[in-house]
Amino acid sequence: MVSDDRLLIASHIKPWKDSSDVERIDSKNGLLLTPTYDKLFDLGLITFDNDKRMLVSPFLSRMTCSKLSLVDKRVITHLPLEGRKTYMEYHRDVKFNRAG
């Protein structure tokens, strides 16, 4: 867990281009992520389930996952999902690259 906020990026869960005006400014439509996780999340290469488990796309190679310490179904205990479940469902259903 990164505790230095200067290293975190505010990332929209439901992308800006797909969001209504209300969703664009909704603080629950966002997560603070490191730049690497932000990029992976925006590209749909990782997402999170309702139990705070990271889901890793099969489009990422084993080598990439190993180098980035990405583990499918790893629980991210500090992930703030309260009030974000609808947005996360959108991300899983629309953005996440499931098929390999």
N, C-alpha and C. Protein backbone atom coordinates (compact mmCIF):
# COMPACT_ATOMS: atom_id res chain seq x y z
N MET A 1 0.84 -1.18 0.00
CA MET A 1 0.00 0.00 0.00
C MET A 1 0.89 1.24 0.00
N VAL A 2 0.57 2.17 -0.89
CA VAL A 2 1.32 3.42 -0.97
C VAL A 2 0.67 4.43 -0.04
N SER A 3 1.44 4.97 0.89
CA SER A 3 0.88 5.91 1.86
C SER A 3 1.22 7.36 1.54
N ASP A 4 1.99 7.60 0.51
CA ASP A 4 2.35 8.96 0.11
C ASP A 4 1.39 9.41 -0.99
N ASP A 5 0.42 10.26 -0.63
CA ASP A 5 -0.61 10.70 -1.58
C ASP A 5 -0.04 11.39 -2.82
N ARG A 6 1.16 11.90 -2.72
CA ARG A 6 1.77 12.57 -3.88
C ARG A 6 2.02 11.59 -5.02
N LEU A 7 2.03 10.30 -4.73
CA LEU A 7 2.30 9.28 -5.74
C LEU A 7 1.04 8.66 -6.32
N LEU A 8 -0.12 9.18 -5.91
CA LEU A 8 -1.39 8.60 -6.35
C LEU A 8 -2.10 9.50 -7.36
N ILE A 9 -2.88 8.85 -8.21
CA ILE A 9 -3.64 9.54 -9.26
C ILE A 9 -5.12 9.26 -9.03
N ALA A 10 -5.95 10.28 -9.19
CA ALA A 10 -7.40 10.09 -9.14
C ALA A 10 -7.84 9.50 -10.47
N SER A 11 -8.40 8.31 -10.42
CA SER A 11 -8.80 7.59 -11.62
C SER A 11 -10.32 7.41 -11.63
N HIS A 12 -10.97 7.78 -12.74
CA HIS A 12 -12.40 7.52 -12.88
C HIS A 12 -12.62 6.02 -13.03
N ILE A 13 -13.66 5.51 -12.38
CA ILE A 13 -14.02 4.10 -12.54
C ILE A 13 -14.80 3.94 -13.84
N LYS A 14 -15.87 4.70 -13.96
CA LYS A 14 -16.60 4.77 -15.23
C LYS A 14 -15.96 5.92 -15.99
N PRO A 15 -15.39 5.68 -17.15
CA PRO A 15 -14.64 6.73 -17.85
C PRO A 15 -15.46 8.00 -18.08
N TRP A 16 -14.74 9.11 -18.08
CA TRP A 16 -15.33 10.44 -18.28
C TRP A 16 -16.20 10.46 -19.52
N LYS A 17 -15.71 9.91 -20.64
CA LYS A 17 -16.44 9.96 -21.91
C LYS A 17 -17.73 9.16 -21.88
N ASP A 18 -17.84 8.19 -20.98
CA ASP A 18 -19.03 7.35 -20.87
C ASP A 18 -19.97 7.79 -19.76
N SER A 19 -19.56 8.80 -18.99
CA SER A 19 -20.31 9.21 -17.81
C SER A 19 -21.25 10.37 -18.10
N SER A 20 -22.34 10.42 -17.34
CA SER A 20 -23.24 11.57 -17.39
C SER A 20 -22.56 12.73 -16.66
N ASP A 21 -23.14 13.93 -16.77
CA ASP A 21 -22.57 15.09 -16.07
C ASP A 21 -22.52 14.84 -14.56
N VAL A 22 -23.53 14.19 -14.03
CA VAL A 22 -23.57 13.89 -12.59
C VAL A 22 -22.49 12.88 -12.23
N GLU A 23 -22.34 11.83 -13.04
CA GLU A 23 -21.33 10.80 -12.77
C GLU A 23 -19.91 11.35 -12.86
N ARG A 24 -19.69 12.31 -13.74
CA ARG A 24 -18.35 12.88 -13.92
C ARG A 24 -17.84 13.56 -12.66
N ILE A 25 -18.73 14.16 -11.88
CA ILE A 25 -18.29 14.88 -10.67
C ILE A 25 -18.58 14.11 -9.39
N ASP A 26 -19.12 12.91 -9.52
CA ASP A 26 -19.42 12.08 -8.35
C ASP A 26 -18.11 11.54 -7.77
N SER A 27 -17.82 11.88 -6.54
CA SER A 27 -16.57 11.43 -5.90
C SER A 27 -16.52 9.91 -5.78
N LYS A 28 -17.67 9.26 -5.81
CA LYS A 28 -17.70 7.79 -5.72
C LYS A 28 -17.32 7.14 -7.05
N ASN A 29 -17.22 7.94 -8.13
CA ASN A 29 -16.78 7.42 -9.42
C ASN A 29 -15.27 7.60 -9.56
N GLY A 30 -14.56 7.27 -8.51
CA GLY A 30 -13.12 7.44 -8.55
C GLY A 30 -12.41 6.59 -7.53
N LEU A 31 -11.17 6.32 -7.84
CA LEU A 31 -10.25 5.62 -6.93
C LEU A 31 -8.91 6.32 -6.99
N LEU A 32 -8.16 6.30 -5.91
CA LEU A 32 -6.78 6.77 -5.92
C LEU A 32 -5.89 5.57 -6.18
N LEU A 33 -5.15 5.63 -7.27
CA LEU A 33 -4.30 4.51 -7.67
C LEU A 33 -2.89 5.01 -7.98
N THR A 34 -1.93 4.11 -7.90
CA THR A 34 -0.59 4.45 -8.36
C THR A 34 -0.64 4.59 -9.88
N PRO A 35 0.32 5.29 -10.49
CA PRO A 35 0.28 5.45 -11.94
C PRO A 35 0.21 4.13 -12.71
N THR A 36 0.92 3.11 -12.26
CA THR A 36 0.89 1.82 -12.95
C THR A 36 -0.49 1.18 -12.85
N TYR A 37 -1.06 1.15 -11.67
CA TYR A 37 -2.40 0.58 -11.50
C TYR A 37 -3.44 1.42 -12.24
N ASP A 38 -3.28 2.73 -12.26
CA ASP A 38 -4.18 3.61 -12.99
C ASP A 38 -4.20 3.24 -14.47
N LYS A 39 -3.04 3.05 -15.05
CA LYS A 39 -2.93 2.70 -16.48
C LYS A 39 -3.56 1.33 -16.74
N LEU A 40 -3.24 0.35 -15.90
CA LEU A 40 -3.81 -0.99 -16.06
C LEU A 40 -5.33 -0.95 -15.93
N PHE A 41 -5.84 -0.18 -14.98
CA PHE A 41 -7.27 -0.04 -14.73
C PHE A 41 -7.95 0.64 -15.92
N ASP A 42 -7.37 1.75 -16.40
CA ASP A 42 -7.94 2.47 -17.55
C ASP A 42 -7.98 1.62 -18.80
N LEU A 43 -6.99 0.77 -18.98
CA LEU A 43 -6.95 -0.11 -20.16
C LEU A 43 -7.81 -1.36 -20.00
N GLY A 44 -8.40 -1.53 -18.82
CA GLY A 44 -9.24 -2.71 -18.58
C GLY A 44 -8.42 -3.98 -18.36
N LEU A 45 -7.17 -3.83 -17.95
CA LEU A 45 -6.31 -4.99 -17.72
C LEU A 45 -6.37 -5.48 -16.28
N ILE A 46 -6.89 -4.64 -15.38
CA ILE A 46 -7.23 -5.07 -14.03
C ILE A 46 -8.57 -4.44 -13.68
N THR A 47 -9.28 -5.06 -12.76
CA THR A 47 -10.48 -4.51 -12.18
C THR A 47 -10.61 -5.11 -10.79
N PHE A 48 -11.70 -4.84 -10.11
CA PHE A 48 -11.89 -5.34 -8.75
C PHE A 48 -13.32 -5.84 -8.59
N ASP A 49 -13.48 -6.95 -7.87
CA ASP A 49 -14.83 -7.46 -7.62
C ASP A 49 -15.38 -6.85 -6.33
N ASN A 50 -16.61 -7.21 -5.99
CA ASN A 50 -17.26 -6.63 -4.81
C ASN A 50 -16.65 -7.09 -3.50
N ASP A 51 -15.79 -8.11 -3.54
CA ASP A 51 -15.10 -8.61 -2.35
C ASP A 51 -13.68 -8.08 -2.27
N LYS A 52 -13.39 -7.01 -3.03
CA LYS A 52 -12.08 -6.34 -3.02
C LYS A 52 -10.97 -7.19 -3.61
N ARG A 53 -11.33 -8.17 -4.43
CA ARG A 53 -10.31 -8.97 -5.10
C ARG A 53 -9.95 -8.35 -6.44
N MET A 54 -8.65 -8.25 -6.71
CA MET A 54 -8.19 -7.77 -8.00
C MET A 54 -8.40 -8.88 -9.02
N LEU A 55 -8.95 -8.51 -10.17
CA LEU A 55 -9.09 -9.45 -11.27
C LEU A 55 -8.10 -9.01 -12.34
N VAL A 56 -7.27 -9.94 -12.80
CA VAL A 56 -6.23 -9.63 -13.76
C VAL A 56 -6.63 -10.22 -15.11
N SER A 57 -6.56 -9.40 -16.13
CA SER A 57 -6.93 -9.83 -17.47
C SER A 57 -5.96 -10.88 -17.99
N PRO A 58 -6.50 -11.88 -18.70
CA PRO A 58 -5.61 -12.87 -19.33
C PRO A 58 -4.81 -12.27 -20.49
N PHE A 59 -5.08 -11.03 -20.87
CA PHE A 59 -4.30 -10.37 -21.91
C PHE A 59 -2.92 -9.94 -21.41
N LEU A 60 -2.70 -9.99 -20.11
CA LEU A 60 -1.37 -9.70 -19.55
C LEU A 60 -0.57 -10.99 -19.48
N SER A 61 0.67 -10.92 -19.88
CA SER A 61 1.52 -12.11 -19.84
C SER A 61 1.88 -12.46 -18.39
N ARG A 62 2.25 -13.70 -18.20
CA ARG A 62 2.71 -14.13 -16.86
C ARG A 62 3.93 -13.33 -16.44
N MET A 63 4.80 -13.04 -17.40
CA MET A 63 6.01 -12.29 -17.08
C MET A 63 5.65 -10.88 -16.60
N THR A 64 4.73 -10.22 -17.29
CA THR A 64 4.30 -8.88 -16.88
C THR A 64 3.67 -8.93 -15.49
N CYS A 65 2.80 -9.90 -15.27
CA CYS A 65 2.16 -10.03 -13.96
C CYS A 65 3.19 -10.25 -12.87
N SER A 66 4.17 -11.08 -13.15
CA SER A 66 5.22 -11.35 -12.18
C SER A 66 6.03 -10.10 -11.87
N LYS A 67 6.42 -9.37 -12.91
CA LYS A 67 7.24 -8.17 -12.71
C LYS A 67 6.49 -7.07 -11.98
N LEU A 68 5.15 -7.03 -12.16
CA LEU A 68 4.34 -5.99 -11.51
C LEU A 68 3.68 -6.49 -10.23
N SER A 69 3.98 -7.73 -9.85
CA SER A 69 3.38 -8.37 -8.66
C SER A 69 1.85 -8.36 -8.70
N LEU A 70 1.31 -8.63 -9.89
CA LEU A 70 -0.14 -8.72 -10.05
C LEU A 70 -0.57 -10.16 -9.84
N VAL A 71 -1.45 -10.37 -8.89
CA VAL A 71 -1.94 -11.71 -8.57
C VAL A 71 -3.45 -11.71 -8.69
N ASP A 72 -3.97 -12.52 -9.61
CA ASP A 72 -5.41 -12.62 -9.80
C ASP A 72 -6.08 -13.06 -8.51
N LYS A 73 -7.14 -12.38 -8.16
CA LYS A 73 -7.97 -12.64 -6.98
C LYS A 73 -7.29 -12.27 -5.65
N ARG A 74 -6.19 -11.52 -5.71
CA ARG A 74 -5.57 -11.02 -4.47
C ARG A 74 -6.51 -9.99 -3.85
N VAL A 75 -6.75 -10.10 -2.58
CA VAL A 75 -7.61 -9.16 -1.87
C VAL A 75 -6.82 -7.88 -1.58
N ILE A 76 -7.42 -6.76 -1.94
CA ILE A 76 -6.85 -5.44 -1.66
C ILE A 76 -7.67 -4.85 -0.51
N THR A 77 -7.25 -5.12 0.71
CA THR A 77 -8.07 -4.83 1.89
C THR A 77 -8.42 -3.36 2.04
N HIS A 78 -7.55 -2.45 1.62
CA HIS A 78 -7.78 -1.02 1.80
C HIS A 78 -8.57 -0.38 0.65
N LEU A 79 -9.03 -1.18 -0.30
CA LEU A 79 -9.78 -0.65 -1.45
C LEU A 79 -11.13 -0.10 -0.99
N PRO A 80 -11.39 1.19 -1.23
CA PRO A 80 -12.64 1.81 -0.76
C PRO A 80 -13.79 1.57 -1.74
N LEU A 81 -14.58 0.53 -1.53
CA LEU A 81 -15.67 0.21 -2.45
C LEU A 81 -17.04 0.73 -2.01
N GLU A 82 -17.15 1.22 -0.80
CA GLU A 82 -18.44 1.72 -0.32
C GLU A 82 -18.95 2.83 -1.24
N GLY A 83 -20.17 2.64 -1.76
CA GLY A 83 -20.77 3.62 -2.66
C GLY A 83 -20.27 3.55 -4.09
N ARG A 84 -19.37 2.62 -4.38
CA ARG A 84 -18.77 2.53 -5.71
C ARG A 84 -19.17 1.26 -6.47
N LYS A 85 -20.01 0.44 -5.90
CA LYS A 85 -20.29 -0.87 -6.49
C LYS A 85 -20.93 -0.78 -7.87
N THR A 86 -21.82 0.19 -8.10
CA THR A 86 -22.43 0.34 -9.43
C THR A 86 -21.38 0.71 -10.46
N TYR A 87 -20.49 1.64 -10.08
CA TYR A 87 -19.41 2.03 -11.00
C TYR A 87 -18.47 0.86 -11.27
N MET A 88 -18.14 0.10 -10.22
CA MET A 88 -17.24 -1.04 -10.40
C MET A 88 -17.90 -2.12 -11.27
N GLU A 89 -19.21 -2.31 -11.12
CA GLU A 89 -19.91 -3.27 -11.97
C GLU A 89 -19.81 -2.85 -13.43
N TYR A 90 -19.98 -1.56 -13.69
CA TYR A 90 -19.81 -1.03 -15.05
C TYR A 90 -18.40 -1.35 -15.56
N HIS A 91 -17.41 -1.07 -14.72
CA HIS A 91 -16.02 -1.29 -15.14
C HIS A 91 -15.78 -2.77 -15.47
N ARG A 92 -16.27 -3.65 -14.63
CA ARG A 92 -16.10 -5.10 -14.88
C ARG A 92 -16.82 -5.53 -16.16
N ASP A 93 -18.03 -5.03 -16.36
CA ASP A 93 -18.85 -5.47 -17.48
C ASP A 93 -18.45 -4.85 -18.81
N VAL A 94 -17.97 -3.61 -18.79
CA VAL A 94 -17.72 -2.88 -20.04
C VAL A 94 -16.23 -2.70 -20.34
N LYS A 95 -15.44 -2.38 -19.34
CA LYS A 95 -14.03 -2.04 -19.58
C LYS A 95 -13.07 -3.22 -19.45
N PHE A 96 -13.36 -4.15 -18.56
CA PHE A 96 -12.41 -5.22 -18.25
C PHE A 96 -12.27 -6.19 -19.40
N ASN A 97 -11.04 -6.50 -19.78
CA ASN A 97 -10.73 -7.43 -20.86
C ASN A 97 -10.64 -8.84 -20.29
N ARG A 98 -11.74 -9.58 -20.38
CA ARG A 98 -11.83 -10.90 -19.78
C ARG A 98 -11.22 -12.03 -20.61
N ALA A 99 -11.51 -12.03 -21.88
CA ALA A 99 -11.10 -13.17 -22.72
C ALA A 99 -9.64 -13.07 -23.09
N GLY A 100 -9.01 -14.19 -23.13
CA GLY A 100 -7.59 -14.20 -23.47
C GLY A 100 -7.30 -14.75 -24.82
